[in-house]
Amino acid sequence: MPARLHVRKGDTVVIVSGKDKGKTGEVLRTSPKKGQVTVQGANMITRATKASPTNPNGGLIKREAPLASCKVMLWDPTVKKGVRVGKTTLADGRKVRVSKAAGSTHQFDK
């Protein structure tokens, strides 16, 4: 599995395959060793929980489950679609991620 992912926590991504294909959302969590990401509002599962001090009633809760990082692409707001990402070095020496989409020079790092 990959030790490094092409997306980071806080990135906006689009899901390219599976039951949630086409949905966009923010990356909540990454797991590089497993090659998985958790996307807000995608891959929802229902968990049965026991009553506890934090959840006195227990019951069923819906939450996001991780999905494979190969199923997501970074969302480029300038071209309004998922894009591949490359890295480039700026004049001041910083390395930033840039969109590989034709005609787009959107930088994903501040």
N, C-alpha and C. Protein backbone atom coordinates (compact mmCIF):
# COMPACT_ATOMS: atom_id res chain seq x y z
N MET A 1 0.83 -1.19 0.00
CA MET A 1 0.00 0.00 0.00
C MET A 1 0.88 1.25 0.00
N PRO A 2 0.34 2.37 -0.48
CA PRO A 2 1.14 3.59 -0.55
C PRO A 2 1.45 4.15 0.83
N ALA A 3 2.68 4.66 0.98
CA ALA A 3 3.06 5.30 2.23
C ALA A 3 2.73 6.78 2.18
N ARG A 4 2.44 7.30 0.99
CA ARG A 4 2.12 8.71 0.82
C ARG A 4 0.87 8.80 -0.04
N LEU A 5 -0.01 9.71 0.32
CA LEU A 5 -1.26 9.87 -0.42
C LEU A 5 -1.23 11.14 -1.25
N HIS A 6 -2.03 11.19 -2.30
CA HIS A 6 -2.11 12.36 -3.15
C HIS A 6 -3.09 13.40 -2.62
N VAL A 7 -3.78 13.10 -1.54
CA VAL A 7 -4.69 14.05 -0.91
C VAL A 7 -4.32 14.20 0.56
N ARG A 8 -4.73 15.31 1.14
CA ARG A 8 -4.44 15.61 2.54
C ARG A 8 -5.72 15.94 3.28
N LYS A 9 -5.65 15.93 4.59
CA LYS A 9 -6.78 16.31 5.42
C LYS A 9 -7.15 17.75 5.08
N GLY A 10 -8.45 17.99 4.88
CA GLY A 10 -8.93 19.33 4.55
C GLY A 10 -9.10 19.58 3.06
N ASP A 11 -8.56 18.72 2.20
CA ASP A 11 -8.73 18.87 0.75
C ASP A 11 -10.17 18.57 0.36
N THR A 12 -10.63 19.21 -0.71
CA THR A 12 -11.93 18.88 -1.28
C THR A 12 -11.68 17.88 -2.41
N VAL A 13 -12.39 16.76 -2.36
CA VAL A 13 -12.18 15.70 -3.35
C VAL A 13 -13.51 15.30 -3.98
N VAL A 14 -13.42 14.64 -5.13
CA VAL A 14 -14.59 14.07 -5.79
C VAL A 14 -14.37 12.56 -5.87
N ILE A 15 -15.43 11.79 -5.64
CA ILE A 15 -15.34 10.34 -5.68
C ILE A 15 -15.56 9.89 -7.11
N VAL A 16 -14.63 9.07 -7.63
CA VAL A 16 -14.66 8.70 -9.05
C VAL A 16 -15.24 7.32 -9.32
N SER A 17 -15.43 6.49 -8.28
CA SER A 17 -16.04 5.18 -8.51
C SER A 17 -16.73 4.70 -7.25
N GLY A 18 -17.64 3.76 -7.43
CA GLY A 18 -18.36 3.20 -6.30
C GLY A 18 -19.75 3.77 -6.16
N LYS A 19 -20.41 3.44 -5.04
CA LYS A 19 -21.80 3.84 -4.86
C LYS A 19 -21.98 5.35 -4.70
N ASP A 20 -20.94 6.06 -4.29
CA ASP A 20 -21.01 7.51 -4.11
C ASP A 20 -20.34 8.28 -5.24
N LYS A 21 -20.22 7.67 -6.41
CA LYS A 21 -19.56 8.30 -7.55
C LYS A 21 -20.17 9.67 -7.85
N GLY A 22 -19.30 10.68 -8.02
CA GLY A 22 -19.76 12.03 -8.34
C GLY A 22 -19.91 12.94 -7.14
N LYS A 23 -19.97 12.39 -5.93
CA LYS A 23 -20.11 13.22 -4.74
C LYS A 23 -18.80 13.93 -4.44
N THR A 24 -18.90 15.16 -3.93
CA THR A 24 -17.72 15.88 -3.47
C THR A 24 -17.81 16.07 -1.97
N GLY A 25 -16.67 16.15 -1.34
CA GLY A 25 -16.64 16.35 0.10
C GLY A 25 -15.23 16.63 0.58
N GLU A 26 -15.14 17.00 1.83
CA GLU A 26 -13.85 17.32 2.44
C GLU A 26 -13.24 16.07 3.06
N VAL A 27 -11.92 15.94 2.94
CA VAL A 27 -11.21 14.81 3.55
C VAL A 27 -11.13 15.07 5.05
N LEU A 28 -11.73 14.17 5.84
CA LEU A 28 -11.74 14.31 7.30
C LEU A 28 -10.52 13.65 7.93
N ARG A 29 -10.11 12.52 7.36
CA ARG A 29 -9.06 11.71 7.95
C ARG A 29 -8.30 11.00 6.84
N THR A 30 -6.99 10.79 7.01
CA THR A 30 -6.23 9.97 6.07
C THR A 30 -5.53 8.86 6.83
N SER A 31 -5.32 7.75 6.16
CA SER A 31 -4.60 6.61 6.72
C SER A 31 -3.60 6.13 5.67
N PRO A 32 -2.41 6.74 5.62
CA PRO A 32 -1.45 6.41 4.56
C PRO A 32 -1.01 4.94 4.55
N LYS A 33 -0.84 4.34 5.70
CA LYS A 33 -0.39 2.94 5.73
C LYS A 33 -1.42 2.00 5.12
N LYS A 34 -2.69 2.32 5.28
CA LYS A 34 -3.76 1.50 4.71
C LYS A 34 -4.17 1.99 3.32
N GLY A 35 -3.73 3.18 2.93
CA GLY A 35 -4.12 3.75 1.64
C GLY A 35 -5.57 4.15 1.60
N GLN A 36 -6.08 4.67 2.73
CA GLN A 36 -7.50 5.02 2.83
C GLN A 36 -7.70 6.47 3.24
N VAL A 37 -8.84 7.02 2.84
CA VAL A 37 -9.25 8.36 3.25
C VAL A 37 -10.71 8.30 3.70
N THR A 38 -11.08 9.21 4.60
CA THR A 38 -12.47 9.33 5.02
C THR A 38 -12.99 10.66 4.50
N VAL A 39 -14.06 10.61 3.72
CA VAL A 39 -14.61 11.80 3.07
C VAL A 39 -15.95 12.14 3.72
N GLN A 40 -16.14 13.43 4.00
CA GLN A 40 -17.36 13.89 4.66
C GLN A 40 -18.59 13.60 3.79
N GLY A 41 -19.57 12.90 4.37
CA GLY A 41 -20.83 12.61 3.69
C GLY A 41 -20.78 11.49 2.67
N ALA A 42 -19.67 10.75 2.60
CA ALA A 42 -19.55 9.67 1.63
C ALA A 42 -19.27 8.35 2.33
N ASN A 43 -19.70 7.24 1.71
CA ASN A 43 -19.49 5.90 2.25
C ASN A 43 -20.06 5.78 3.66
N MET A 44 -21.31 6.23 3.81
CA MET A 44 -21.97 6.23 5.12
C MET A 44 -22.33 4.81 5.53
N ILE A 45 -22.08 4.49 6.81
CA ILE A 45 -22.44 3.20 7.37
C ILE A 45 -23.28 3.43 8.62
N THR A 46 -24.05 2.42 9.01
CA THR A 46 -24.86 2.50 10.22
C THR A 46 -24.23 1.59 11.25
N ARG A 47 -23.93 2.14 12.43
CA ARG A 47 -23.33 1.37 13.51
C ARG A 47 -24.30 1.27 14.68
N ALA A 48 -24.38 0.09 15.27
CA ALA A 48 -25.18 -0.08 16.48
C ALA A 48 -24.27 0.19 17.67
N THR A 49 -24.69 1.09 18.56
CA THR A 49 -23.85 1.44 19.72
C THR A 49 -24.60 1.16 21.01
N LYS A 50 -23.83 0.74 22.00
CA LYS A 50 -24.39 0.53 23.33
C LYS A 50 -24.55 1.87 24.02
N ALA A 51 -25.37 1.91 25.03
CA ALA A 51 -25.52 3.13 25.83
C ALA A 51 -24.22 3.36 26.60
N SER A 52 -23.82 4.63 26.68
CA SER A 52 -22.60 5.01 27.39
C SER A 52 -22.81 6.40 27.98
N PRO A 53 -21.89 6.87 28.80
CA PRO A 53 -22.06 8.23 29.35
C PRO A 53 -22.13 9.31 28.27
N THR A 54 -21.39 9.13 27.17
CA THR A 54 -21.44 10.12 26.10
C THR A 54 -22.69 9.98 25.23
N ASN A 55 -23.22 8.76 25.12
CA ASN A 55 -24.41 8.50 24.33
C ASN A 55 -25.38 7.67 25.18
N PRO A 56 -26.14 8.33 26.08
CA PRO A 56 -26.95 7.60 27.06
C PRO A 56 -28.03 6.69 26.46
N ASN A 57 -28.52 7.00 25.29
CA ASN A 57 -29.58 6.18 24.70
C ASN A 57 -29.05 5.02 23.87
N GLY A 58 -27.84 5.15 23.34
CA GLY A 58 -27.33 4.12 22.44
C GLY A 58 -28.10 4.16 21.14
N GLY A 59 -28.15 3.03 20.44
CA GLY A 59 -28.94 2.95 19.21
C GLY A 59 -28.09 2.97 17.96
N LEU A 60 -28.72 3.32 16.85
CA LEU A 60 -28.04 3.33 15.56
C LEU A 60 -27.52 4.72 15.24
N ILE A 61 -26.27 4.79 14.80
CA ILE A 61 -25.70 6.07 14.37
C ILE A 61 -25.14 5.89 12.96
N LYS A 62 -25.24 6.94 12.16
CA LYS A 62 -24.67 6.92 10.81
C LYS A 62 -23.38 7.71 10.85
N ARG A 63 -22.33 7.12 10.23
CA ARG A 63 -21.05 7.82 10.17
C ARG A 63 -20.29 7.41 8.92
N GLU A 64 -19.25 8.18 8.59
CA GLU A 64 -18.46 7.91 7.40
C GLU A 64 -17.47 6.78 7.67
N ALA A 65 -17.32 5.90 6.69
CA ALA A 65 -16.33 4.84 6.75
C ALA A 65 -15.21 5.19 5.77
N PRO A 66 -14.00 4.72 6.02
CA PRO A 66 -12.89 5.00 5.09
C PRO A 66 -13.12 4.32 3.74
N LEU A 67 -12.56 4.92 2.68
CA LEU A 67 -12.58 4.30 1.38
C LEU A 67 -11.19 4.40 0.77
N ALA A 68 -10.91 3.60 -0.23
CA ALA A 68 -9.59 3.55 -0.84
C ALA A 68 -9.24 4.89 -1.47
N SER A 69 -7.99 5.32 -1.29
CA SER A 69 -7.57 6.63 -1.80
C SER A 69 -7.57 6.67 -3.32
N CYS A 70 -7.49 5.51 -3.98
CA CYS A 70 -7.49 5.49 -5.44
C CYS A 70 -8.87 5.84 -6.01
N LYS A 71 -9.90 5.87 -5.17
CA LYS A 71 -11.26 6.17 -5.62
C LYS A 71 -11.59 7.66 -5.55
N VAL A 72 -10.63 8.51 -5.13
CA VAL A 72 -10.89 9.95 -5.04
C VAL A 72 -9.87 10.73 -5.86
N MET A 73 -10.33 11.88 -6.37
CA MET A 73 -9.45 12.82 -7.06
C MET A 73 -9.64 14.19 -6.44
N LEU A 74 -8.59 14.96 -6.43
CA LEU A 74 -8.65 16.32 -5.90
C LEU A 74 -9.58 17.15 -6.77
N TRP A 75 -10.44 17.95 -6.15
CA TRP A 75 -11.42 18.79 -6.85
C TRP A 75 -10.77 20.13 -7.16
N ASP A 76 -10.76 20.51 -8.45
CA ASP A 76 -10.22 21.80 -8.87
C ASP A 76 -11.38 22.75 -9.13
N PRO A 77 -11.55 23.80 -8.30
CA PRO A 77 -12.69 24.71 -8.47
C PRO A 77 -12.62 25.55 -9.75
N THR A 78 -11.43 25.72 -10.34
CA THR A 78 -11.34 26.54 -11.54
C THR A 78 -11.90 25.81 -12.77
N VAL A 79 -11.68 24.50 -12.87
CA VAL A 79 -12.22 23.74 -14.00
C VAL A 79 -13.44 22.92 -13.61
N LYS A 80 -13.79 22.94 -12.32
CA LYS A 80 -14.98 22.28 -11.78
C LYS A 80 -15.02 20.78 -12.08
N LYS A 81 -13.89 20.10 -11.83
CA LYS A 81 -13.84 18.64 -11.98
C LYS A 81 -12.65 18.09 -11.20
N GLY A 82 -12.61 16.78 -11.08
CA GLY A 82 -11.49 16.13 -10.41
C GLY A 82 -10.26 16.17 -11.30
N VAL A 83 -9.10 16.41 -10.70
CA VAL A 83 -7.87 16.55 -11.49
C VAL A 83 -6.74 15.73 -10.87
N ARG A 84 -5.77 15.40 -11.73
CA ARG A 84 -4.53 14.82 -11.23
C ARG A 84 -3.67 15.96 -10.72
N VAL A 85 -2.74 15.64 -9.85
CA VAL A 85 -1.95 16.67 -9.19
C VAL A 85 -0.47 16.42 -9.40
N GLY A 86 0.26 17.50 -9.68
CA GLY A 86 1.71 17.44 -9.77
C GLY A 86 2.32 18.38 -8.76
N LYS A 87 3.62 18.30 -8.61
CA LYS A 87 4.30 19.19 -7.68
C LYS A 87 5.27 20.07 -8.45
N THR A 88 5.40 21.31 -8.01
CA THR A 88 6.34 22.23 -8.62
C THR A 88 6.95 23.10 -7.53
N THR A 89 8.11 23.67 -7.84
CA THR A 89 8.80 24.53 -6.89
C THR A 89 8.63 25.98 -7.33
N LEU A 90 8.21 26.82 -6.40
CA LEU A 90 8.03 28.24 -6.69
C LEU A 90 9.38 28.96 -6.63
N ALA A 91 9.38 30.22 -7.04
CA ALA A 91 10.61 31.02 -7.05
C ALA A 91 11.19 31.19 -5.65
N ASP A 92 10.32 31.22 -4.63
CA ASP A 92 10.82 31.40 -3.26
C ASP A 92 11.25 30.08 -2.62
N GLY A 93 11.24 28.97 -3.38
CA GLY A 93 11.73 27.70 -2.87
C GLY A 93 10.67 26.77 -2.29
N ARG A 94 9.42 27.24 -2.18
CA ARG A 94 8.36 26.38 -1.63
C ARG A 94 7.90 25.39 -2.69
N LYS A 95 7.60 24.16 -2.25
CA LYS A 95 7.02 23.15 -3.13
C LYS A 95 5.51 23.17 -2.94
N VAL A 96 4.77 23.26 -4.04
CA VAL A 96 3.31 23.30 -3.98
C VAL A 96 2.73 22.27 -4.93
N ARG A 97 1.49 21.85 -4.65
CA ARG A 97 0.76 20.95 -5.55
C ARG A 97 0.00 21.80 -6.56
N VAL A 98 0.07 21.43 -7.83
CA VAL A 98 -0.64 22.16 -8.88
C VAL A 98 -1.46 21.18 -9.71
N SER A 99 -2.54 21.70 -10.27
CA SER A 99 -3.44 20.90 -11.09
C SER A 99 -2.77 20.55 -12.42
N LYS A 100 -2.99 19.32 -12.88
CA LYS A 100 -2.47 18.88 -14.17
C LYS A 100 -3.48 19.13 -15.30
N ALA A 101 -4.64 19.69 -14.96
CA ALA A 101 -5.68 19.93 -15.96
C ALA A 101 -5.19 20.96 -16.98
N ALA A 102 -5.58 20.77 -18.23
CA ALA A 102 -5.16 21.67 -19.30
C ALA A 102 -5.66 23.09 -19.03
N GLY A 103 -4.76 24.03 -19.04
CA GLY A 103 -5.13 25.43 -18.86
C GLY A 103 -5.36 25.85 -17.43
N SER A 104 -5.17 24.97 -16.47
CA SER A 104 -5.40 25.32 -15.07
C SER A 104 -4.07 25.44 -14.35
N THR A 105 -3.92 26.51 -13.60
CA THR A 105 -2.70 26.70 -12.81
C THR A 105 -3.05 26.83 -11.34
N HIS A 106 -4.13 26.18 -10.93
CA HIS A 106 -4.60 26.28 -9.55
C HIS A 106 -3.61 25.63 -8.60
N GLN A 107 -3.23 26.37 -7.54
CA GLN A 107 -2.34 25.83 -6.50
C GLN A 107 -3.19 25.37 -5.34
N PHE A 108 -2.92 24.17 -4.84
CA PHE A 108 -3.70 23.61 -3.75
C PHE A 108 -3.09 23.90 -2.39
N ASP A 109 -1.83 24.31 -2.35
CA ASP A 109 -1.18 24.65 -1.09
C ASP A 109 -1.07 26.17 -1.00
N LYS A 110 -1.25 26.67 0.21
CA LYS A 110 -1.22 28.12 0.39
C LYS A 110 0.21 28.62 0.45
